[in-house]
Amino acid sequence: MTLVLSSDNTAEECCKIEERLVAISVPLGFQIKVIWADKGSPGAELGEKLMAVYRSPWTWMIVTALVALAIMGGWRRFFWTLFSGTAAWFVSKFAILPLLEKKRIFPYS
């Protein structure tokens, strides 16, 4: 069995955790290999976020729709679709922001 773990603890604490896991699993008949992953560093977090975006079906749906729009509708419609969609996103984001601030200040009003 391979376990991938991450920790912000020191190396001594990680070794103790690994020894305890091995001590528990050996009597049960499991052979454990522990791999410590670096989590929390900016590079690791960026890689995790990019992989989540890459694996998301929403990403591939949007990319495919944009490619189809560019091919079928032409570049002019493609540009205006992206422009209007981006503008609508910013308008909705800034329209909702005061409501969220009010809710944060008065959560039950």
PDB file of N, CA and C in Angstrom:
ATOM      1  N   MET A   1       0.853  -1.149   0.000  1.00  0.00           N
ATOM      2  CA  MET A   1       0.000   0.000   0.000  1.00  0.00           C
ATOM      3  C   MET A   1       0.911   1.228   0.000  1.00  0.00           C
ATOM      4  N   THR A   2       0.591   2.180  -0.846  1.00  0.00           N
ATOM      5  CA  THR A   2       1.344   3.423  -0.904  1.00  0.00           C
ATOM      6  C   THR A   2       0.487   4.544  -0.360  1.00  0.00           C
ATOM      7  N   LEU A   3       1.023   5.274   0.591  1.00  0.00           N
ATOM      8  CA  LEU A   3       0.338   6.420   1.175  1.00  0.00           C
ATOM      9  C   LEU A   3       1.089   7.677   0.778  1.00  0.00           C
ATOM     10  N   VAL A   4       0.357   8.655   0.283  1.00  0.00           N
ATOM     11  CA  VAL A   4       0.945   9.951  -0.028  1.00  0.00           C
ATOM     12  C   VAL A   4       0.424  10.928   1.011  1.00  0.00           C
ATOM     13  N   LEU A   5       1.326  11.454   1.805  1.00  0.00           N
ATOM     14  CA  LEU A   5       0.963  12.336   2.897  1.00  0.00           C
ATOM     15  C   LEU A   5       1.666  13.675   2.729  1.00  0.00           C
ATOM     16  N   SER A   6       1.087  14.691   3.302  1.00  0.00           N
ATOM     17  CA  SER A   6       1.735  16.000   3.317  1.00  0.00           C
ATOM     18  C   SER A   6       1.663  16.544   4.723  1.00  0.00           C
ATOM     19  N   SER A   7       2.683  17.304   5.073  1.00  0.00           N
ATOM     20  CA  SER A   7       2.726  17.832   6.420  1.00  0.00           C
ATOM     21  C   SER A   7       3.598  19.072   6.452  1.00  0.00           C
ATOM     22  N   ASP A   8       3.263  19.968   7.358  1.00  0.00           N
ATOM     23  CA  ASP A   8       4.089  21.145   7.592  1.00  0.00           C
ATOM     24  C   ASP A   8       4.974  20.924   8.816  1.00  0.00           C
ATOM     25  N   ASN A   9       4.969  19.709   9.362  1.00  0.00           N
ATOM     26  CA  ASN A   9       5.734  19.398  10.557  1.00  0.00           C
ATOM     27  C   ASN A   9       7.215  19.210  10.225  1.00  0.00           C
ATOM     28  N   THR A  10       8.014  19.073  11.268  1.00  0.00           N
ATOM     29  CA  THR A  10       9.439  18.852  11.072  1.00  0.00           C
ATOM     30  C   THR A  10       9.696  17.420  10.627  1.00  0.00           C
ATOM     31  N   ALA A  11      10.908  17.158  10.206  1.00  0.00           N
ATOM     32  CA  ALA A  11      11.275  15.828   9.713  1.00  0.00           C
ATOM     33  C   ALA A  11      11.158  14.774  10.805  1.00  0.00           C
ATOM     34  N   GLU A  12      11.472  15.139  12.049  1.00  0.00           N
ATOM     35  CA  GLU A  12      11.383  14.183  13.158  1.00  0.00           C
ATOM     36  C   GLU A  12       9.947  13.719  13.370  1.00  0.00           C
ATOM     37  N   GLU A  13       9.008  14.654  13.348  1.00  0.00           N
ATOM     38  CA  GLU A  13       7.599  14.300  13.540  1.00  0.00           C
ATOM     39  C   GLU A  13       7.101  13.444  12.381  1.00  0.00           C
ATOM     40  N   CYS A  14       7.550  13.735  11.173  1.00  0.00           N
ATOM     41  CA  CYS A  14       7.141  12.942  10.012  1.00  0.00           C
ATOM     42  C   CYS A  14       7.656  11.518  10.122  1.00  0.00           C
ATOM     43  N   CYS A  15       8.893  11.359  10.602  1.00  0.00           N
ATOM     44  CA  CYS A  15       9.449  10.020  10.774  1.00  0.00           C
ATOM     45  C   CYS A  15       8.677   9.237  11.829  1.00  0.00           C
ATOM     46  N   LYS A  16       8.280   9.919  12.907  1.00  0.00           N
ATOM     47  CA  LYS A  16       7.501   9.261  13.948  1.00  0.00           C
ATOM     48  C   LYS A  16       6.154   8.798  13.414  1.00  0.00           C
ATOM     49  N   ILE A  17       5.521   9.645  12.616  1.00  0.00           N
ATOM     50  CA  ILE A  17       4.225   9.278  12.027  1.00  0.00           C
ATOM     51  C   ILE A  17       4.394   8.080  11.105  1.00  0.00           C
ATOM     52  N   GLU A  18       5.441   8.111  10.297  1.00  0.00           N
ATOM     53  CA  GLU A  18       5.696   7.010   9.372  1.00  0.00           C
ATOM     54  C   GLU A  18       5.964   5.713  10.132  1.00  0.00           C
ATOM     55  N   GLU A  19       6.749   5.776  11.205  1.00  0.00           N
ATOM     56  CA  GLU A  19       7.035   4.579  12.007  1.00  0.00           C
ATOM     57  C   GLU A  19       5.770   4.022  12.643  1.00  0.00           C
ATOM     58  N   ARG A  20       4.896   4.894  13.124  1.00  0.00           N
ATOM     59  CA  ARG A  20       3.637   4.422  13.732  1.00  0.00           C
ATOM     60  C   ARG A  20       2.742   3.745  12.701  1.00  0.00           C
ATOM     61  N   LEU A  21       2.678   4.329  11.494  1.00  0.00           N
ATOM     62  CA  LEU A  21       1.858   3.709  10.452  1.00  0.00           C
ATOM     63  C   LEU A  21       2.385   2.332  10.068  1.00  0.00           C
ATOM     64  N   VAL A  22       3.690   2.218   9.954  1.00  0.00           N
ATOM     65  CA  VAL A  22       4.288   0.922   9.617  1.00  0.00           C
ATOM     66  C   VAL A  22       4.048  -0.070  10.743  1.00  0.00           C
ATOM     67  N   ALA A  23       4.193   0.376  11.989  1.00  0.00           N
ATOM     68  CA  ALA A  23       3.986  -0.518  13.134  1.00  0.00           C
ATOM     69  C   ALA A  23       2.548  -1.019  13.202  1.00  0.00           C
ATOM     70  N   ILE A  24       1.614  -0.203  12.832  1.00  0.00           N
ATOM     71  CA  ILE A  24       0.210  -0.609  12.853  1.00  0.00           C
ATOM     72  C   ILE A  24      -0.114  -1.539  11.694  1.00  0.00           C
ATOM     73  N   SER A  25       0.456  -1.277  10.532  1.00  0.00           N
ATOM     74  CA  SER A  25       0.059  -2.015   9.331  1.00  0.00           C
ATOM     75  C   SER A  25       0.752  -3.365   9.177  1.00  0.00           C
ATOM     76  N   VAL A  26       1.968  -3.532   9.709  1.00  0.00           N
ATOM     77  CA  VAL A  26       2.695  -4.794   9.544  1.00  0.00           C
ATOM     78  C   VAL A  26       1.946  -5.968  10.177  1.00  0.00           C
ATOM     79  N   PRO A  27       1.410  -5.868  11.394  1.00  0.00           N
ATOM     80  CA  PRO A  27       0.651  -7.002  11.948  1.00  0.00           C
ATOM     81  C   PRO A  27      -0.604  -7.341  11.128  1.00  0.00           C
ATOM     82  N   LEU A  28      -1.126  -6.374  10.401  1.00  0.00           N
ATOM     83  CA  LEU A  28      -2.306  -6.633   9.578  1.00  0.00           C
ATOM     84  C   LEU A  28      -1.956  -7.259   8.232  1.00  0.00           C
ATOM     85  N   GLY A  29      -0.667  -7.346   7.935  1.00  0.00           N
ATOM     86  CA  GLY A  29      -0.232  -7.966   6.690  1.00  0.00           C
ATOM     87  C   GLY A  29      -0.055  -6.992   5.544  1.00  0.00           C
ATOM     88  N   PHE A  30      -0.029  -5.711   5.829  1.00  0.00           N
ATOM     89  CA  PHE A  30       0.172  -4.699   4.795  1.00  0.00           C
ATOM     90  C   PHE A  30       1.625  -4.243   4.794  1.00  0.00           C
ATOM     91  N   GLN A  31       2.152  -4.046   3.618  1.00  0.00           N
ATOM     92  CA  GLN A  31       3.459  -3.430   3.487  1.00  0.00           C
ATOM     93  C   GLN A  31       3.205  -2.001   3.011  1.00  0.00           C
ATOM     94  N   ILE A  32       3.645  -1.040   3.785  1.00  0.00           N
ATOM     95  CA  ILE A  32       3.332   0.351   3.490  1.00  0.00           C
ATOM     96  C   ILE A  32       4.577   1.087   3.018  1.00  0.00           C
ATOM     97  N   LYS A  33       4.375   1.874   1.980  1.00  0.00           N
ATOM     98  CA  LYS A  33       5.409   2.788   1.510  1.00  0.00           C
ATOM     99  C   LYS A  33       4.819   4.183   1.639  1.00  0.00           C
ATOM    100  N   VAL A  34       5.483   5.046   2.386  1.00  0.00           N
ATOM    101  CA  VAL A  34       4.991   6.390   2.642  1.00  0.00           C
ATOM    102  C   VAL A  34       5.771   7.368   1.784  1.00  0.00           C
ATOM    103  N   ILE A  35       5.046   8.200   1.062  1.00  0.00           N
ATOM    104  CA  ILE A  35       5.645   9.247   0.243  1.00  0.00           C
ATOM    105  C   ILE A  35       5.176  10.576   0.806  1.00  0.00           C
ATOM    106  N   TRP A  36       6.119  11.429   1.124  1.00  0.00           N
ATOM    107  CA  TRP A  36       5.786  12.744   1.665  1.00  0.00           C
ATOM    108  C   TRP A  36       5.759  13.745   0.534  1.00  0.00           C
ATOM    109  N   ALA A  37       4.638  14.398   0.382  1.00  0.00           N
ATOM    110  CA  ALA A  37       4.469  15.398  -0.676  1.00  0.00           C
ATOM    111  C   ALA A  37       4.648  16.783  -0.090  1.00  0.00           C
ATOM    112  N   ASP A  38       5.189  17.652  -0.892  1.00  0.00           N
ATOM    113  CA  ASP A  38       5.392  19.039  -0.469  1.00  0.00           C
ATOM    114  C   ASP A  38       4.129  19.820  -0.758  1.00  0.00           C
ATOM    115  N   LYS A  39       3.376  20.115   0.293  1.00  0.00           N
ATOM    116  CA  LYS A  39       2.155  20.886   0.129  1.00  0.00           C
ATOM    117  C   LYS A  39       2.291  22.171   0.919  1.00  0.00           C
ATOM    118  N   GLY A  40       1.829  23.221   0.338  1.00  0.00           N
ATOM    119  CA  GLY A  40       1.893  24.490   1.020  1.00  0.00           C
ATOM    120  C   GLY A  40       2.849  25.461   0.357  1.00  0.00           C
ATOM    121  N   SER A  41       3.791  24.944  -0.438  1.00  0.00           N
ATOM    122  CA  SER A  41       4.683  25.863  -1.139  1.00  0.00           C
ATOM    123  C   SER A  41       3.929  26.451  -2.328  1.00  0.00           C
ATOM    124  N   PRO A  42       4.274  27.653  -2.745  1.00  0.00           N
ATOM    125  CA  PRO A  42       3.550  28.283  -3.856  1.00  0.00           C
ATOM    126  C   PRO A  42       3.571  27.455  -5.145  1.00  0.00           C
ATOM    127  N   GLY A  43       4.688  26.813  -5.427  1.00  0.00           N
ATOM    128  CA  GLY A  43       4.770  25.993  -6.639  1.00  0.00           C
ATOM    129  C   GLY A  43       3.841  24.793  -6.595  1.00  0.00           C
ATOM    130  N   ALA A  44       3.761  24.151  -5.423  1.00  0.00           N
ATOM    131  CA  ALA A  44       2.898  22.975  -5.278  1.00  0.00           C
ATOM    132  C   ALA A  44       1.427  23.382  -5.363  1.00  0.00           C
ATOM    133  N   GLU A  45       1.074  24.502  -4.732  1.00  0.00           N
ATOM    134  CA  GLU A  45      -0.317  24.954  -4.774  1.00  0.00           C
ATOM    135  C   GLU A  45      -0.727  25.353  -6.187  1.00  0.00           C
ATOM    136  N   LEU A  46       0.160  26.025  -6.906  1.00  0.00           N
ATOM    137  CA  LEU A  46      -0.147  26.408  -8.281  1.00  0.00           C
ATOM    138  C   LEU A  46      -0.342  25.177  -9.152  1.00  0.00           C
ATOM    139  N   GLY A  47       0.516  24.181  -8.967  1.00  0.00           N
ATOM    140  CA  GLY A  47       0.382  22.940  -9.734  1.00  0.00           C
ATOM    141  C   GLY A  47      -0.930  22.230  -9.453  1.00  0.00           C
ATOM    142  N   GLU A  48      -1.352  22.232  -8.186  1.00  0.00           N
ATOM    143  CA  GLU A  48      -2.621  21.598  -7.825  1.00  0.00           C
ATOM    144  C   GLU A  48      -3.800  22.337  -8.454  1.00  0.00           C
ATOM    145  N   LYS A  49      -3.751  23.662  -8.444  1.00  0.00           N
ATOM    146  CA  LYS A  49      -4.840  24.447  -9.037  1.00  0.00           C
ATOM    147  C   LYS A  49      -4.900  24.249 -10.548  1.00  0.00           C
ATOM    148  N   LEU A  50      -3.744  24.255 -11.201  1.00  0.00           N
ATOM    149  CA  LEU A  50      -3.725  24.053 -12.646  1.00  0.00           C
ATOM    150  C   LEU A  50      -4.226  22.657 -13.017  1.00  0.00           C
ATOM    151  N   MET A  51      -3.859  21.662 -12.227  1.00  0.00           N
ATOM    152  CA  MET A  51      -4.324  20.309 -12.507  1.00  0.00           C
ATOM    153  C   MET A  51      -5.831  20.192 -12.293  1.00  0.00           C
ATOM    154  N   ALA A  52      -6.370  20.885 -11.294  1.00  0.00           N
ATOM    155  CA  ALA A  52      -7.815  20.865 -11.066  1.00  0.00           C
ATOM    156  C   ALA A  52      -8.549  21.518 -12.238  1.00  0.00           C
ATOM    157  N   VAL A  53      -7.999  22.609 -12.753  1.00  0.00           N
ATOM    158  CA  VAL A  53      -8.609  23.269 -13.913  1.00  0.00           C
ATOM    159  C   VAL A  53      -8.509  22.368 -15.137  1.00  0.00           C
ATOM    160  N   TYR A  54      -7.368  21.734 -15.325  1.00  0.00           N
ATOM    161  CA  TYR A  54      -7.151  20.860 -16.477  1.00  0.00           C
ATOM    162  C   TYR A  54      -8.100  19.663 -16.464  1.00  0.00           C
ATOM    163  N   ARG A  55      -8.374  19.132 -15.284  1.00  0.00           N
ATOM    164  CA  ARG A  55      -9.237  17.949 -15.179  1.00  0.00           C
ATOM    165  C   ARG A  55     -10.724  18.273 -15.134  1.00  0.00           C
ATOM    166  N   SER A  56     -11.069  19.535 -15.031  1.00  0.00           N
ATOM    167  CA  SER A  56     -12.466  19.918 -14.906  1.00  0.00           C
ATOM    168  C   SER A  56     -13.196  19.794 -16.248  1.00  0.00           C
ATOM    169  N   PRO A  57     -14.353  19.145 -16.270  1.00  0.00           N
ATOM    170  CA  PRO A  57     -15.127  19.064 -17.508  1.00  0.00           C
ATOM    171  C   PRO A  57     -15.624  20.441 -17.947  1.00  0.00           C
ATOM    172  N   TRP A  58     -15.811  21.357 -17.003  1.00  0.00           N
ATOM    173  CA  TRP A  58     -16.255  22.707 -17.353  1.00  0.00           C
ATOM    174  C   TRP A  58     -15.216  23.404 -18.222  1.00  0.00           C
ATOM    175  N   THR A  59     -13.937  23.200 -17.914  1.00  0.00           N
ATOM    176  CA  THR A  59     -12.870  23.810 -18.707  1.00  0.00           C
ATOM    177  C   THR A  59     -12.946  23.337 -20.145  1.00  0.00           C
ATOM    178  N   TRP A  60     -13.076  22.032 -20.329  1.00  0.00           N
ATOM    179  CA  TRP A  60     -13.092  21.481 -21.684  1.00  0.00           C
ATOM    180  C   TRP A  60     -14.374  21.856 -22.418  1.00  0.00           C
ATOM    181  N   MET A  61     -15.486  21.995 -21.694  1.00  0.00           N
ATOM    182  CA  MET A  61     -16.725  22.438 -22.324  1.00  0.00           C
ATOM    183  C   MET A  61     -16.570  23.869 -22.839  1.00  0.00           C
ATOM    184  N   ILE A  62     -15.989  24.735 -22.032  1.00  0.00           N
ATOM    185  CA  ILE A  62     -15.816  26.129 -22.431  1.00  0.00           C
ATOM    186  C   ILE A  62     -14.835  26.246 -23.588  1.00  0.00           C
ATOM    187  N   VAL A  63     -13.731  25.520 -23.524  1.00  0.00           N
ATOM    188  CA  VAL A  63     -12.745  25.567 -24.610  1.00  0.00           C
ATOM    189  C   VAL A  63     -13.355  25.074 -25.919  1.00  0.00           C
ATOM    190  N   THR A  64     -14.081  23.981 -25.861  1.00  0.00           N
ATOM    191  CA  THR A  64     -14.712  23.437 -27.067  1.00  0.00           C
ATOM    192  C   THR A  64     -15.754  24.393 -27.619  1.00  0.00           C
ATOM    193  N   ALA A  65     -16.549  24.992 -26.751  1.00  0.00           N
ATOM    194  CA  ALA A  65     -17.564  25.947 -27.209  1.00  0.00           C
ATOM    195  C   ALA A  65     -16.915  27.170 -27.851  1.00  0.00           C
ATOM    196  N   LEU A  66     -15.814  27.652 -27.285  1.00  0.00           N
ATOM    197  CA  LEU A  66     -15.130  28.811 -27.860  1.00  0.00           C
ATOM    198  C   LEU A  66     -14.503  28.485 -29.216  1.00  0.00           C
ATOM    199  N   VAL A  67     -13.931  27.312 -29.345  1.00  0.00           N
ATOM    200  CA  VAL A  67     -13.360  26.904 -30.636  1.00  0.00           C
ATOM    201  C   VAL A  67     -14.465  26.768 -31.676  1.00  0.00           C
ATOM    202  N   ALA A  68     -15.580  26.154 -31.303  1.00  0.00           N
ATOM    203  CA  ALA A  68     -16.703  26.014 -32.232  1.00  0.00           C
ATOM    204  C   ALA A  68     -17.251  27.380 -32.629  1.00  0.00           C
ATOM    205  N   LEU A  69     -17.348  28.294 -31.677  1.00  0.00           N
ATOM    206  CA  LEU A  69     -17.824  29.639 -31.979  1.00  0.00           C
ATOM    207  C   LEU A  69     -16.883  30.353 -32.936  1.00  0.00           C
ATOM    208  N   ALA A  70     -15.579  30.220 -32.701  1.00  0.00           N
ATOM    209  CA  ALA A  70     -14.604  30.875 -33.577  1.00  0.00           C
ATOM    210  C   ALA A  70     -14.673  30.308 -34.992  1.00  0.00           C
ATOM    211  N   ILE A  71     -14.871  29.014 -35.103  1.00  0.00           N
ATOM    212  CA  ILE A  71     -14.921  28.391 -36.433  1.00  0.00           C
ATOM    213  C   ILE A  71     -16.241  28.687 -37.131  1.00  0.00           C
ATOM    214  N   MET A  72     -17.348  28.508 -36.416  1.00  0.00           N
ATOM    215  CA  MET A  72     -18.658  28.647 -37.044  1.00  0.00           C
ATOM    216  C   MET A  72     -19.117  30.096 -37.166  1.00  0.00           C
ATOM    217  N   GLY A  73     -18.802  30.919 -36.201  1.00  0.00           N
ATOM    218  CA  GLY A  73     -19.310  32.284 -36.203  1.00  0.00           C
ATOM    219  C   GLY A  73     -18.328  33.314 -36.710  1.00  0.00           C
ATOM    220  N   GLY A  74     -17.075  32.957 -36.793  1.00  0.00           N
ATOM    221  CA  GLY A  74     -16.064  33.902 -37.225  1.00  0.00           C
ATOM    222  C   GLY A  74     -15.445  34.622 -36.039  1.00  0.00           C
ATOM    223  N   TRP A  75     -14.336  35.284 -36.323  1.00  0.00           N
ATOM    224  CA  TRP A  75     -13.579  35.936 -35.268  1.00  0.00           C
ATOM    225  C   TRP A  75     -14.299  37.144 -34.690  1.00  0.00           C
ATOM    226  N   ARG A  76     -15.058  37.829 -35.525  1.00  0.00           N
ATOM    227  CA  ARG A  76     -15.758  39.014 -35.039  1.00  0.00           C
ATOM    228  C   ARG A  76     -16.794  38.635 -33.978  1.00  0.00           C
ATOM    229  N   ARG A  77     -17.605  37.644 -34.238  1.00  0.00           N
ATOM    230  CA  ARG A  77     -18.584  37.184 -33.244  1.00  0.00           C
ATOM    231  C   ARG A  77     -17.894  36.591 -32.025  1.00  0.00           C
ATOM    232  N   PHE A  78     -16.794  35.885 -32.264  1.00  0.00           N
ATOM    233  CA  PHE A  78     -16.014  35.315 -31.168  1.00  0.00           C
ATOM    234  C   PHE A  78     -15.546  36.419 -30.220  1.00  0.00           C
ATOM    235  N   PHE A  79     -14.968  37.488 -30.781  1.00  0.00           N
ATOM    236  CA  PHE A  79     -14.491  38.601 -29.969  1.00  0.00           C
ATOM    237  C   PHE A  79     -15.626  39.240 -29.194  1.00  0.00           C
ATOM    238  N   TRP A  80     -16.750  39.530 -29.844  1.00  0.00           N
ATOM    239  CA  TRP A  80     -17.850  40.214 -29.168  1.00  0.00           C
ATOM    240  C   TRP A  80     -18.518  39.327 -28.118  1.00  0.00           C
ATOM    241  N   THR A  81     -18.532  38.026 -28.360  1.00  0.00           N
ATOM    242  CA  THR A  81     -19.057  37.104 -27.357  1.00  0.00           C
ATOM    243  C   THR A  81     -18.173  37.115 -26.109  1.00  0.00           C
ATOM    244  N   LEU A  82     -16.862  37.028 -26.313  1.00  0.00           N
ATOM    245  CA  LEU A  82     -15.953  37.084 -25.169  1.00  0.00           C
ATOM    246  C   LEU A  82     -16.043  38.429 -24.454  1.00  0.00           C
ATOM    247  N   PHE A  83     -16.116  39.501 -25.214  1.00  0.00           N
ATOM    248  CA  PHE A  83     -16.204  40.831 -24.626  1.00  0.00           C
ATOM    249  C   PHE A  83     -17.466  40.989 -23.789  1.00  0.00           C
ATOM    250  N   SER A  84     -18.610  40.601 -24.342  1.00  0.00           N
ATOM    251  CA  SER A  84     -19.868  40.763 -23.601  1.00  0.00           C
ATOM    252  C   SER A  84     -19.928  39.824 -22.401  1.00  0.00           C
ATOM    253  N   GLY A  85     -19.401  38.627 -22.541  1.00  0.00           N
ATOM    254  CA  GLY A  85     -19.376  37.703 -21.406  1.00  0.00           C
ATOM    255  C   GLY A  85     -18.491  38.206 -20.281  1.00  0.00           C
ATOM    256  N   THR A  86     -17.330  38.743 -20.639  1.00  0.00           N
ATOM    257  CA  THR A  86     -16.425  39.298 -19.631  1.00  0.00           C
ATOM    258  C   THR A  86     -17.039  40.530 -18.967  1.00  0.00           C
ATOM    259  N   ALA A  87     -17.655  41.381 -19.761  1.00  0.00           N
ATOM    260  CA  ALA A  87     -18.303  42.573 -19.204  1.00  0.00           C
ATOM    261  C   ALA A  87     -19.427  42.176 -18.251  1.00  0.00           C
ATOM    262  N   ALA A  88     -20.221  41.188 -18.626  1.00  0.00           N
ATOM    263  CA  ALA A  88     -21.316  40.736 -17.753  1.00  0.00           C
ATOM    264  C   ALA A  88     -20.766  40.158 -16.450  1.00  0.00           C
ATOM    265  N   TRP A  89     -19.646  39.453 -16.530  1.00  0.00           N
ATOM    266  CA  TRP A  89     -19.045  38.896 -15.322  1.00  0.00           C
ATOM    267  C   TRP A  89     -18.623  40.017 -14.373  1.00  0.00           C
ATOM    268  N   PHE A  90     -17.939  41.035 -14.912  1.00  0.00           N
ATOM    269  CA  PHE A  90     -17.486  42.140 -14.063  1.00  0.00           C
ATOM    270  C   PHE A  90     -18.663  42.923 -13.487  1.00  0.00           C
ATOM    271  N   VAL A  91     -19.701  43.153 -14.277  1.00  0.00           N
ATOM    272  CA  VAL A  91     -20.867  43.881 -13.778  1.00  0.00           C
ATOM    273  C   VAL A  91     -21.530  43.095 -12.655  1.00  0.00           C
ATOM    274  N   SER A  92     -21.708  41.791 -12.851  1.00  0.00           N
ATOM    275  CA  SER A  92     -22.342  40.985 -11.802  1.00  0.00           C
ATOM    276  C   SER A  92     -21.462  40.891 -10.568  1.00  0.00           C
ATOM    277  N   LYS A  93     -20.154  40.809 -10.758  1.00  0.00           N
ATOM    278  CA  LYS A  93     -19.241  40.724  -9.626  1.00  0.00           C
ATOM    279  C   LYS A  93     -19.312  41.991  -8.776  1.00  0.00           C
ATOM    280  N   PHE A  94     -19.302  43.156  -9.429  1.00  0.00           N
ATOM    281  CA  PHE A  94     -19.335  44.404  -8.670  1.00  0.00           C
ATOM    282  C   PHE A  94     -20.738  44.747  -8.186  1.00  0.00           C
ATOM    283  N   ALA A  95     -21.775  44.214  -8.809  1.00  0.00           N
ATOM    284  CA  ALA A  95     -23.138  44.437  -8.326  1.00  0.00           C
ATOM    285  C   ALA A  95     -23.412  43.596  -7.080  1.00  0.00           C
ATOM    286  N   ILE A  96     -22.819  42.427  -7.006  1.00  0.00           N
ATOM    287  CA  ILE A  96     -23.044  41.529  -5.880  1.00  0.00           C
ATOM    288  C   ILE A  96     -22.148  41.887  -4.699  1.00  0.00           C
ATOM    289  N   LEU A  97     -21.006  42.532  -4.957  1.00  0.00           N
ATOM    290  CA  LEU A  97     -20.061  42.858  -3.895  1.00  0.00           C
ATOM    291  C   LEU A  97     -20.679  43.649  -2.742  1.00  0.00           C
ATOM    292  N   PRO A  98     -21.464  44.712  -2.986  1.00  0.00           N
ATOM    293  CA  PRO A  98     -22.087  45.411  -1.844  1.00  0.00           C
ATOM    294  C   PRO A  98     -23.053  44.529  -1.057  1.00  0.00           C
ATOM    295  N   LEU A  99     -23.752  43.634  -1.738  1.00  0.00           N
ATOM    296  CA  LEU A  99     -24.658  42.727  -1.033  1.00  0.00           C
ATOM    297  C   LEU A  99     -23.889  41.779  -0.120  1.00  0.00           C
ATOM    298  N   LEU A 100     -22.737  41.297  -0.595  1.00  0.00           N
ATOM    299  CA  LEU A 100     -21.928  40.411   0.238  1.00  0.00           C
ATOM    300  C   LEU A 100     -21.341  41.149   1.432  1.00  0.00           C
ATOM    301  N   GLU A 101     -20.921  42.387   1.219  1.00  0.00           N
ATOM    302  CA  GLU A 101     -20.396  43.177   2.332  1.00  0.00           C
ATOM    303  C   GLU A 101     -21.477  43.416   3.384  1.00  0.00           C
ATOM    304  N   LYS A 102     -22.699  43.716   2.936  1.00  0.00           N
ATOM    305  CA  LYS A 102     -23.802  43.938   3.873  1.00  0.00           C
ATOM    306  C   LYS A 102     -24.097  42.662   4.642  1.00  0.00           C
ATOM    307  N   LYS A 103     -24.068  41.528   3.972  1.00  0.00           N
ATOM    308  CA  LYS A 103     -24.354  40.266   4.622  1.00  0.00           C
ATOM    309  C   LYS A 103     -23.266  39.918   5.636  1.00  0.00           C
ATOM    310  N   ARG A 104     -22.027  40.280   5.331  1.00  0.00           N
ATOM    311  CA  ARG A 104     -20.932  39.996   6.257  1.00  0.00           C
ATOM    312  C   ARG A 104     -21.059  40.839   7.517  1.00  0.00           C
ATOM    313  N   ILE A 105     -21.508  42.095   7.341  1.00  0.00           N
ATOM    314  CA  ILE A 105     -21.660  42.971   8.495  1.00  0.00           C
ATOM    315  C   ILE A 105     -22.904  42.597   9.295  1.00  0.00           C
ATOM    316  N   PHE A 106     -24.012  42.371   8.597  1.00  0.00           N
ATOM    317  CA  PHE A 106     -25.282  42.000   9.239  1.00  0.00           C
ATOM    318  C   PHE A 106     -25.722  40.655   8.704  1.00  0.00           C
ATOM    319  N   PRO A 107     -25.195  39.538   9.246  1.00  0.00           N
ATOM    320  CA  PRO A 107     -25.470  38.227   8.649  1.00  0.00           C
ATOM    321  C   PRO A 107     -26.930  37.781   8.717  1.00  0.00           C
ATOM    322  N   TYR A 108     -27.721  38.323   9.631  1.00  0.00           N
ATOM    323  CA  TYR A 108     -29.110  37.853   9.772  1.00  0.00           C
ATOM    324  C   TYR A 108     -30.132  38.903   9.356  1.00  0.00           C
ATOM    325  N   SER A 109     -29.721  39.869   8.546  1.00  0.00           N
ATOM    326  CA  SER A 109     -30.694  40.896   8.150  1.00  0.00           C
ATOM    327  C   SER A 109     -31.210  40.651   6.762  1.00  0.00           C
TER     328      SER A 109
END
